[in-house]
Protein backbone atom coordinates (compact mmCIF):
# COMPACT_ATOMS: atom_id res chain seq x y z
CA MET A 1 175.49 184.20 187.64
CA ALA A 2 177.19 185.88 190.19
CA THR A 3 178.32 189.45 190.91
CA ALA A 4 181.32 190.93 193.01
CA TRP A 5 182.42 194.64 193.62
CA ASP A 6 186.13 193.49 193.47
CA SER A 7 187.41 192.74 189.72
CA LYS A 8 190.84 191.34 190.68
CA ASN A 9 191.64 187.97 188.80
CA TRP A 10 190.87 185.83 191.99
CA THR A 11 187.75 187.29 193.03
CA MET A 12 185.43 184.50 191.73
CA SER A 13 188.18 181.70 192.19
CA SER A 14 186.56 180.06 195.42
CA LEU A 15 183.15 180.34 194.12
CA VAL A 16 183.87 178.92 190.69
CA GLN A 17 185.79 176.03 192.48
CA HIS A 18 182.73 175.44 194.62
CA TYR A 19 180.43 175.49 191.75
CA GLU A 20 182.27 173.03 189.73
CA THR A 21 182.64 170.72 192.64
CA LEU A 22 178.71 170.75 192.93
CA VAL A 23 178.29 170.22 189.34
CA LYS A 24 180.35 167.25 189.32
CA TYR A 25 178.98 165.93 192.56
CA MET A 26 175.25 166.25 191.34
CA ASN A 27 176.24 164.95 187.83
CA TRP A 28 175.08 168.01 186.08
CA GLN A 29 175.84 169.70 182.88
CA ASP A 30 177.42 173.11 183.27
CA CYS A 31 175.84 175.29 180.66
CA GLY A 32 178.05 178.28 181.31
CA LYS A 33 178.98 180.99 183.82
CA VAL A 34 178.34 184.64 183.97
CA LEU A 35 180.89 186.13 186.76
CA ALA A 36 180.20 189.85 186.66
CA VAL A 37 183.19 191.27 188.48
CA GLY A 38 183.55 194.97 189.09
CA CYS A 39 179.96 195.43 189.36
CA GLY A 40 179.14 196.37 192.98
CA THR A 41 175.95 198.30 192.35
CA ARG A 42 172.71 197.55 189.95
CA SER A 43 173.70 200.63 187.99
CA MET A 44 177.37 199.13 187.56
CA ILE A 45 175.90 195.90 186.24
CA GLU A 46 173.48 197.58 183.99
CA ALA A 47 176.16 199.74 182.44
CA SER A 48 178.14 196.53 181.83
CA GLU A 49 178.20 194.00 179.14
CA PHE A 50 177.07 191.23 181.48
CA PRO A 51 173.19 191.56 181.20
CA GLU A 52 173.70 190.76 177.63
CA ILE A 53 176.05 187.77 178.35
CA ALA A 54 173.81 186.43 180.59
CA TYR A 55 170.66 187.01 178.18
CA ASN A 56 172.65 185.17 175.43
CA LEU A 57 173.60 182.49 177.63
CA GLY A 58 170.00 181.70 178.74
CA LYS A 59 168.79 181.99 175.15
CA SER A 60 171.36 179.23 174.13
CA ILE A 61 170.14 176.86 176.62
C-alpha cells in the first residue's frame, strides 16, 4: 500500500515499476497493490474507498 497527495495518472508509476522489479528479482508473488492517490492526509484516506480496498485485499490473501 502506498499513498500520495497527487492524483495524476503518473504519480505512482516509478514506485510501481520499482516494486514490480523487486517482486521479480526476489521471485515473490504479487498479491495486489493499493495505490491511494489523492490522499495527502489521514482524514482524506479515511474518507476514501482505499481502506476498504486494502482490507479486502488482506482478507483475500
